Amino acid sequence: MDVYACDLCGYYYDPECGDEEGHIRPGTPFSRVPGVWVCPECGAPKRRFYKLDDDEFDYDYDDQEQEADDDYSYADYYDE
């Protein structure tokens, strides 16, 4: 499915993730997102989003989760 980006703040709408706060279920293509939906980051209207080319959005969720687990620990945020 196609990924769309907000031309104001750069937020990505990825259909695989949807938008939980906006009540858009994962798996919802951008064409099925209601016209009244707004960017969850900056409030821009749906019409301000543009479709990314496949090579512009190459995000591997599994790799990102692994990197996050490796790079941070709770000790970084909490004093013991």
N, C-alpha and C. Protein backbone atom coordinates (compact mmCIF):
# COMPACT_ATOMS: atom_id res chain seq x y z
N MET A 1 0.84 -1.19 0.00
CA MET A 1 0.00 0.00 0.00
C MET A 1 0.88 1.25 0.00
N ASP A 2 0.33 2.31 -0.55
CA ASP A 2 1.07 3.56 -0.69
C ASP A 2 1.15 4.31 0.63
N VAL A 3 2.29 4.93 0.86
CA VAL A 3 2.53 5.75 2.03
C VAL A 3 2.42 7.21 1.61
N TYR A 4 1.80 8.03 2.46
CA TYR A 4 1.62 9.44 2.18
C TYR A 4 2.32 10.26 3.25
N ALA A 5 2.79 11.46 2.87
CA ALA A 5 3.49 12.34 3.80
C ALA A 5 2.80 13.69 3.85
N CYS A 6 2.80 14.28 5.03
CA CYS A 6 2.27 15.63 5.22
C CYS A 6 3.29 16.62 4.67
N ASP A 7 2.84 17.52 3.80
CA ASP A 7 3.79 18.48 3.23
C ASP A 7 4.11 19.63 4.18
N LEU A 8 3.45 19.69 5.34
CA LEU A 8 3.78 20.72 6.32
C LEU A 8 4.80 20.26 7.35
N CYS A 9 4.59 19.04 7.90
CA CYS A 9 5.48 18.60 8.98
C CYS A 9 6.27 17.33 8.65
N GLY A 10 5.94 16.64 7.56
CA GLY A 10 6.67 15.45 7.19
C GLY A 10 6.17 14.16 7.81
N TYR A 11 5.06 14.20 8.56
CA TYR A 11 4.48 12.99 9.15
C TYR A 11 4.13 12.02 8.04
N TYR A 12 4.41 10.73 8.27
CA TYR A 12 4.06 9.69 7.31
C TYR A 12 2.78 8.99 7.73
N TYR A 13 1.83 8.88 6.81
CA TYR A 13 0.67 8.01 7.03
C TYR A 13 1.00 6.70 6.35
N ASP A 14 1.21 5.67 7.14
CA ASP A 14 1.51 4.34 6.64
C ASP A 14 0.26 3.48 6.86
N PRO A 15 -0.36 3.01 5.79
CA PRO A 15 -1.57 2.21 5.93
C PRO A 15 -1.39 0.96 6.79
N GLU A 16 -0.19 0.42 6.84
CA GLU A 16 0.04 -0.75 7.69
C GLU A 16 -0.17 -0.42 9.16
N CYS A 17 0.05 0.83 9.54
CA CYS A 17 -0.09 1.26 10.94
C CYS A 17 -1.43 1.93 11.21
N GLY A 18 -1.99 2.62 10.21
CA GLY A 18 -3.19 3.40 10.44
C GLY A 18 -2.89 4.59 11.33
N ASP A 19 -3.90 5.06 12.05
CA ASP A 19 -3.74 6.17 12.99
C ASP A 19 -4.67 5.91 14.16
N GLU A 20 -4.13 5.34 15.21
CA GLU A 20 -4.95 4.95 16.36
C GLU A 20 -5.69 6.14 16.95
N GLU A 21 -5.00 7.26 17.13
CA GLU A 21 -5.62 8.45 17.71
C GLU A 21 -6.75 8.99 16.83
N GLY A 22 -6.57 8.87 15.52
CA GLY A 22 -7.58 9.34 14.57
C GLY A 22 -8.63 8.30 14.25
N HIS A 23 -8.56 7.16 14.93
CA HIS A 23 -9.52 6.07 14.76
C HIS A 23 -9.49 5.48 13.35
N ILE A 24 -8.28 5.42 12.77
CA ILE A 24 -8.09 4.80 11.46
C ILE A 24 -7.40 3.46 11.70
N ARG A 25 -8.07 2.39 11.35
CA ARG A 25 -7.54 1.05 11.61
C ARG A 25 -6.33 0.73 10.74
N PRO A 26 -5.39 -0.06 11.28
CA PRO A 26 -4.29 -0.55 10.45
C PRO A 26 -4.85 -1.28 9.23
N GLY A 27 -4.19 -1.10 8.11
CA GLY A 27 -4.64 -1.72 6.86
C GLY A 27 -5.55 -0.83 6.04
N THR A 28 -5.83 0.39 6.53
CA THR A 28 -6.70 1.31 5.80
C THR A 28 -5.90 2.11 4.79
N PRO A 29 -6.16 1.91 3.48
CA PRO A 29 -5.44 2.72 2.48
C PRO A 29 -5.82 4.19 2.60
N PHE A 30 -4.93 5.06 2.18
CA PHE A 30 -5.14 6.50 2.31
C PHE A 30 -6.42 6.93 1.61
N SER A 31 -6.77 6.29 0.52
CA SER A 31 -7.98 6.66 -0.22
C SER A 31 -9.25 6.41 0.61
N ARG A 32 -9.17 5.56 1.61
CA ARG A 32 -10.32 5.25 2.46
C ARG A 32 -10.33 6.06 3.76
N VAL A 33 -9.30 6.86 3.99
CA VAL A 33 -9.25 7.73 5.16
C VAL A 33 -10.26 8.86 4.92
N PRO A 34 -11.14 9.14 5.90
CA PRO A 34 -12.16 10.20 5.70
C PRO A 34 -11.53 11.55 5.38
N GLY A 35 -12.23 12.34 4.60
CA GLY A 35 -11.74 13.67 4.21
C GLY A 35 -11.59 14.63 5.36
N VAL A 36 -12.27 14.37 6.47
CA VAL A 36 -12.17 15.27 7.63
C VAL A 36 -10.98 14.93 8.52
N TRP A 37 -10.27 13.84 8.23
CA TRP A 37 -9.10 13.43 9.00
C TRP A 37 -8.01 14.50 8.86
N VAL A 38 -7.26 14.71 9.92
CA VAL A 38 -6.16 15.68 9.89
C VAL A 38 -4.87 15.00 10.37
N CYS A 39 -3.77 15.59 10.01
CA CYS A 39 -2.46 15.10 10.43
C CYS A 39 -2.40 15.06 11.96
N PRO A 40 -2.03 13.92 12.54
CA PRO A 40 -1.97 13.84 14.00
C PRO A 40 -0.82 14.65 14.61
N GLU A 41 0.13 15.06 13.81
CA GLU A 41 1.26 15.83 14.31
C GLU A 41 1.01 17.34 14.27
N CYS A 42 0.47 17.84 13.15
CA CYS A 42 0.36 19.30 13.01
C CYS A 42 -1.04 19.79 12.71
N GLY A 43 -1.99 18.87 12.50
CA GLY A 43 -3.37 19.27 12.24
C GLY A 43 -3.67 19.65 10.81
N ALA A 44 -2.73 19.42 9.89
CA ALA A 44 -2.95 19.74 8.48
C ALA A 44 -4.07 18.86 7.92
N PRO A 45 -4.88 19.40 7.01
CA PRO A 45 -5.95 18.60 6.42
C PRO A 45 -5.40 17.52 5.49
N LYS A 46 -6.22 16.52 5.24
CA LYS A 46 -5.81 15.38 4.40
C LYS A 46 -5.29 15.84 3.04
N ARG A 47 -5.85 16.90 2.49
CA ARG A 47 -5.45 17.36 1.15
C ARG A 47 -4.00 17.83 1.10
N ARG A 48 -3.36 18.06 2.25
CA ARG A 48 -1.96 18.50 2.30
C ARG A 48 -0.98 17.33 2.24
N PHE A 49 -1.48 16.11 2.11
CA PHE A 49 -0.62 14.93 2.02
C PHE A 49 -0.34 14.59 0.57
N TYR A 50 0.85 14.06 0.33
CA TYR A 50 1.23 13.63 -1.02
C TYR A 50 1.78 12.21 -0.95
N LYS A 51 1.61 11.50 -2.04
CA LYS A 51 2.05 10.11 -2.11
C LYS A 51 3.56 10.05 -2.29
N LEU A 52 4.19 9.20 -1.49
CA LEU A 52 5.64 9.01 -1.60
C LEU A 52 5.93 7.95 -2.65
N ASP A 53 7.04 8.12 -3.34
CA ASP A 53 7.53 7.07 -4.23
C ASP A 53 8.04 5.93 -3.37
N ASP A 54 8.08 4.74 -3.93
CA ASP A 54 8.53 3.57 -3.17
C ASP A 54 9.92 3.75 -2.58
N ASP A 55 10.81 4.41 -3.32
CA ASP A 55 12.18 4.57 -2.82
C ASP A 55 12.30 5.68 -1.76
N GLU A 56 11.26 6.50 -1.60
CA GLU A 56 11.28 7.55 -0.58
C GLU A 56 10.94 7.01 0.80
N PHE A 57 10.22 5.91 0.85
CA PHE A 57 9.79 5.34 2.14
C PHE A 57 10.23 3.89 2.17
N ASP A 58 11.36 3.65 2.83
CA ASP A 58 11.89 2.30 2.95
C ASP A 58 12.16 2.06 4.42
N TYR A 59 11.14 1.71 5.16
CA TYR A 59 11.22 1.59 6.61
C TYR A 59 10.99 0.14 7.00
N ASP A 60 11.90 -0.42 7.73
CA ASP A 60 11.78 -1.80 8.19
C ASP A 60 11.45 -1.78 9.67
N TYR A 61 10.21 -2.08 10.01
CA TYR A 61 9.76 -2.02 11.40
C TYR A 61 10.52 -2.98 12.29
N ASP A 62 10.80 -4.18 11.81
CA ASP A 62 11.51 -5.16 12.63
C ASP A 62 12.91 -4.68 12.99
N ASP A 63 13.61 -4.09 12.03
CA ASP A 63 14.95 -3.57 12.30
C ASP A 63 14.89 -2.41 13.29
N GLN A 64 13.91 -1.53 13.14
CA GLN A 64 13.78 -0.38 14.02
C GLN A 64 13.51 -0.81 15.46
N GLU A 65 12.64 -1.80 15.64
CA GLU A 65 12.36 -2.28 16.99
C GLU A 65 13.61 -2.87 17.62
N GLN A 66 14.39 -3.61 16.86
CA GLN A 66 15.61 -4.21 17.38
C GLN A 66 16.61 -3.12 17.75
N GLU A 67 16.76 -2.10 16.90
CA GLU A 67 17.68 -1.01 17.20
C GLU A 67 17.26 -0.29 18.46
N ALA A 68 15.98 -0.05 18.62
CA ALA A 68 15.50 0.65 19.81
C ALA A 68 15.80 -0.17 21.07
N ASP A 69 15.62 -1.47 21.00
CA ASP A 69 15.91 -2.33 22.15
C ASP A 69 17.39 -2.31 22.50
N ASP A 70 18.24 -2.24 21.49
CA ASP A 70 19.68 -2.29 21.71
C ASP A 70 20.24 -0.96 22.21
N ASP A 71 19.66 0.15 21.78
CA ASP A 71 20.24 1.46 22.05
C ASP A 71 19.85 2.08 23.38
N TYR A 72 18.75 1.67 23.96
CA TYR A 72 18.25 2.34 25.15
C TYR A 72 18.00 1.36 26.28
N SER A 73 18.10 1.87 27.46
CA SER A 73 17.74 1.07 28.62
C SER A 73 16.94 1.96 29.56
N TYR A 74 16.22 1.36 30.47
CA TYR A 74 15.45 2.13 31.43
C TYR A 74 16.35 3.01 32.28
N ALA A 75 17.57 2.60 32.48
CA ALA A 75 18.51 3.39 33.29
C ALA A 75 18.78 4.75 32.65
N ASP A 76 18.61 4.84 31.31
CA ASP A 76 18.81 6.11 30.63
C ASP A 76 17.77 7.14 31.05
N TYR A 77 16.63 6.68 31.51
CA TYR A 77 15.53 7.58 31.82
C TYR A 77 15.22 7.71 33.31
N TYR A 78 15.65 6.76 34.10
CA TYR A 78 15.30 6.75 35.51
C TYR A 78 16.56 6.66 36.37
N ASP A 79 16.61 7.44 37.41
CA ASP A 79 17.71 7.34 38.37
C ASP A 79 17.38 6.22 39.34
N GLU A 80 18.36 5.42 39.60
CA GLU A 80 18.13 4.31 40.54
C GLU A 80 18.76 4.59 41.87
